[in-house]
C-alpha atoms as a PDB file:
ATOM      1  CA  MET A   1     151.797  17.806  43.302  1.00  0.00           C
ATOM      2  CA  SER A   2     152.574  16.579  46.763  1.00  0.00           C
ATOM      3  CA  GLU A   3     155.856  17.793  48.379  1.00  0.00           C
ATOM      4  CA  GLU A   4     157.164  14.368  48.681  1.00  0.00           C
ATOM      5  CA  ASN A   5     156.597  14.024  44.775  1.00  0.00           C
ATOM      6  CA  LYS A   6     158.400  17.730  44.224  1.00  0.00           C
ATOM      7  CA  MET A   7     160.985  16.485  46.023  1.00  0.00           C
ATOM      8  CA  VAL A   8     161.725  13.226  43.943  1.00  0.00           C
ATOM      9  CA  MET A   9     161.122  15.272  40.447  1.00  0.00           C
ATOM     10  CA  TYR A  10     163.712  17.595  41.476  1.00  0.00           C
ATOM     11  CA  MET A  11     166.066  15.317  42.540  1.00  0.00           C
ATOM     12  CA  PHE A  12     165.913  13.231  39.617  1.00  0.00           C
ATOM     13  CA  VAL A  13     166.053  16.358  37.278  1.00  0.00           C
ATOM     14  CA  TRP A  14     169.216  17.485  39.149  1.00  0.00           C
ATOM     15  CA  LEU A  15     170.768  14.353  38.493  1.00  0.00           C
ATOM     16  CA  GLY A  16     170.003  13.852  35.165  1.00  0.00           C
ATOM     17  CA  LEU A  17     171.144  17.600  34.120  1.00  0.00           C
ATOM     18  CA  PHE A  18     174.364  17.017  36.151  1.00  0.00           C
ATOM     19  CA  VAL A  19     175.060  13.573  34.491  1.00  0.00           C
ATOM     20  CA  LEU A  20     174.270  14.975  30.903  1.00  0.00           C
ATOM     21  CA  GLY A  21     176.339  17.782  31.349  1.00  0.00           C
ATOM     22  CA  PHE A  22     179.204  15.853  33.127  1.00  0.00           C
ATOM     23  CA  ILE A  23     179.251  13.515  29.816  1.00  0.00           C
ATOM     24  CA  THR A  24     178.500  16.526  27.402  1.00  0.00           C
ATOM     25  CA  MET A  25     181.683  17.914  28.620  1.00  0.00           C
ATOM     26  CA  PHE A  26     183.766  15.125  27.185  1.00  0.00           C
ATOM     27  CA  GLN A  27     182.001  15.341  23.858  1.00  0.00           C
ATOM     28  CA  VAL A  28     182.155  18.990  23.067  1.00  0.00           C
ATOM     29  CA  GLY A  29     184.831  20.073  25.223  1.00  0.00           C
ATOM     30  CA  ARG A  30     185.322  21.508  28.610  1.00  0.00           C
ATOM     31  CA  TYR A  31     185.092  25.242  27.719  1.00  0.00           C
ATOM     32  CA  HIS A  32     181.745  24.645  25.551  1.00  0.00           C
ATOM     33  CA  PRO A  33     178.684  26.477  26.980  1.00  0.00           C
ATOM     34  CA  ILE A  34     176.453  23.633  26.963  1.00  0.00           C
ATOM     35  CA  PRO A  35     177.844  21.435  29.656  1.00  0.00           C
ATOM     36  CA  ILE A  36     178.270  24.675  32.027  1.00  0.00           C
ATOM     37  CA  ILE A  37     174.629  25.383  31.404  1.00  0.00           C
ATOM     38  CA  LEU A  38     173.466  21.892  31.881  1.00  0.00           C
ATOM     39  CA  MET A  39     175.288  21.763  35.100  1.00  0.00           C
ATOM     40  CA  SER A  40     174.391  25.216  36.495  1.00  0.00           C
ATOM     41  CA  THR A  41     170.573  24.200  35.663  1.00  0.00           C
ATOM     42  CA  GLY A  42     171.230  21.140  37.631  1.00  0.00           C
ATOM     43  CA  PHE A  43     172.451  23.265  40.514  1.00  0.00           C
ATOM     44  CA  VAL A  44     169.438  25.246  40.328  1.00  0.00           C
ATOM     45  CA  PHE A  45     167.083  22.042  40.813  1.00  0.00           C
ATOM     46  CA  LEU A  46     169.121  21.045  43.677  1.00  0.00           C
ATOM     47  CA  ILE A  47     168.866  24.384  45.551  1.00  0.00           C
ATOM     48  CA  MET A  48     164.853  24.139  44.562  1.00  0.00           C
ATOM     49  CA  HIS A  49     165.166  20.502  46.085  1.00  0.00           C
ATOM     50  CA  GLY A  50     167.194  21.433  49.272  1.00  0.00           C
ATOM     51  CA  ASN A  51     164.593  24.151  50.106  1.00  0.00           C
ATOM     52  CA  ILE A  52     161.380  21.843  49.349  1.00  0.00           C
ATOM     53  CA  ALA A  53     163.355  18.943  51.485  1.00  0.00           C
ATOM     54  CA  TYR A  54     163.792  21.766  54.290  1.00  0.00           C
ATOM     55  CA  LYS A  55     160.411  23.054  54.505  1.00  0.00           C
ATOM     56  CA  PHE A  56     158.853  19.660  54.504  1.00  0.00           C
ATOM     57  CA  LYS A  57     161.123  18.294  57.265  1.00  0.00           C
ATOM     58  CA  GLN A  58     160.236  21.445  59.279  1.00  0.00           C
ATOM     59  CA  ALA A  59     156.600  20.819  58.778  1.00  0.00           C
ATOM     60  CA  GLN A  60     156.881  17.187  59.709  1.00  0.00           C
ATOM     61  CA  GLU A  61     158.712  18.140  62.952  1.00  0.00           C
ATOM     62  CA  LYS A  62     156.043  20.735  63.905  1.00  0.00           C
ATOM     63  CA  ILE A  63     153.430  18.011  63.350  1.00  0.00           C
ATOM     64  CA  THR A  64     155.385  15.371  65.464  1.00  0.00           C
ATOM     65  CA  ASN A  65     155.856  18.041  68.372  1.00  0.00           C
ATOM     66  CA  ALA A  66     152.114  18.740  68.204  1.00  0.00           C
ATOM     67  CA  LYS A  67     151.240  15.118  68.783  1.00  0.00           C
ATOM     68  CA  GLY A  68     153.461  14.910  71.497  1.00  0.00           C
ATOM     69  CA  ASP A  69     151.831  17.890  73.212  1.00  0.00           C
ATOM     70  CA  VAL A  70     148.761  16.653  72.493  1.00  0.00           C
ATOM     71  CA  ARG A  71     149.240  13.357  74.126  1.00  0.00           C
ATOM     72  CA  VAL A  72     150.706  15.324  77.276  1.00  0.00           C
ATOM     73  CA  LEU A  73     147.409  17.570  77.016  1.00  0.00           C
ATOM     74  CA  THR A  74     145.099  14.291  77.226  1.00  0.00           C
ATOM     75  CA  MET A  75     147.274  12.801  80.106  1.00  0.00           C
ATOM     76  CA  GLU A  76     146.889  15.826  82.059  1.00  0.00           C
ATOM     77  CA  LEU A  77     143.186  16.270  81.350  1.00  0.00           C
ATOM     78  CA  ASP A  78     142.814  12.771  82.333  1.00  0.00           C
ATOM     79  CA  LYS A  79     144.668  13.283  85.639  1.00  0.00           C
ATOM     80  CA  LEU A  80     142.522  16.587  86.477  1.00  0.00           C
ATOM     81  CA  GLU A  81     139.549  14.542  85.792  1.00  0.00           C
ATOM     82  CA  LYS A  82     140.155  11.787  88.180  1.00  0.00           C
ATOM     83  CA  MET A  83     141.217  14.303  90.788  1.00  0.00           C
ATOM     84  CA  TYR A  84     137.824  15.917  90.375  1.00  0.00           C
ATOM     85  CA  ALA A  85     136.086  12.580  90.339  1.00  0.00           C
ATOM     86  CA  SER A  86     137.686  11.426  93.787  1.00  0.00           C
ATOM     87  CA  SER A  87     136.968  15.000  95.210  1.00  0.00           C
ATOM     88  CA  MET A  88     140.737  15.892  95.341  1.00  0.00           C
ATOM     89  CA  ILE A  89     139.977  19.268  93.930  1.00  0.00           C
ATOM     90  CA  THR A  90     137.075  21.793  93.957  1.00  0.00           C
ATOM     91  CA  GLU A  91     134.925  22.516  90.798  1.00  0.00           C
ATOM     92  CA  GLU A  92     136.744  26.013  90.773  1.00  0.00           C
ATOM     93  CA  GLU A  93     140.022  24.599  90.710  1.00  0.00           C
ATOM     94  CA  TYR A  94     138.921  21.732  88.185  1.00  0.00           C
ATOM     95  CA  ASN A  95     137.621  24.301  85.680  1.00  0.00           C
ATOM     96  CA  PHE A  96     140.585  26.735  86.117  1.00  0.00           C
ATOM     97  CA  LYS A  97     143.151  24.126  85.656  1.00  0.00           C
ATOM     98  CA  LYS A  98     141.404  22.837  82.589  1.00  0.00           C
ATOM     99  CA  ASP A  99     141.038  26.135  81.203  1.00  0.00           C
ATOM    100  CA  SER A 100     144.784  26.853  81.470  1.00  0.00           C
ATOM    101  CA  LEU A 101     145.910  23.731  79.925  1.00  0.00           C
ATOM    102  CA  LYS A 102     143.896  24.411  77.171  1.00  0.00           C
ATOM    103  CA  THR A 103     145.158  27.648  76.553  1.00  0.00           C
ATOM    104  CA  GLN A 104     148.645  26.531  77.256  1.00  0.00           C
ATOM    105  CA  TYR A 105     148.303  23.688  74.481  1.00  0.00           C
ATOM    106  CA  SER A 106     145.875  25.327  72.013  1.00  0.00           C
ATOM    107  CA  GLY A 107     148.563  26.119  69.467  1.00  0.00           C
ATOM    108  CA  SER A 108     149.427  22.717  69.318  1.00  0.00           C
ATOM    109  CA  VAL A 109     146.078  21.448  69.203  1.00  0.00           C
ATOM    110  CA  GLU A 110     145.268  23.690  65.900  1.00  0.00           C
ATOM    111  CA  THR A 111     148.503  22.301  64.918  1.00  0.00           C
ATOM    112  CA  TYR A 112     147.274  18.803  65.296  1.00  0.00           C
ATOM    113  CA  ILE A 113     143.602  19.130  64.022  1.00  0.00           C
ATOM    114  CA  HIS A 114     144.881  20.973  60.733  1.00  0.00           C
ATOM    115  CA  ASN A 115     147.413  18.379  59.852  1.00  0.00           C
ATOM    116  CA  SER A 116     145.956  15.124  60.839  1.00  0.00           C
END
């Protein structure tokens, strides 16, 4: 089950349990254990929903940052190739700068490749 489906499921379970607990509170009385159990279980599902939503948001931000870094890396490599093609830099400088850029953005490239 995907993370988005889990978030939706936990949200509906939380709402259902909380509403059911609230309604039964008026039917069986305020101090009866059934509404307390239902509402407490609802809060557990709310916490589970919040945890999954937080992890999903963090993963999405990481992917977004990786996409931006890959875009910057592509632009930098393109500039470097144009400079080398127009003989503004030597082959040694070109290779050194190219390797340093690849090293600098290697984590973002890995994240982008694995999550695309």
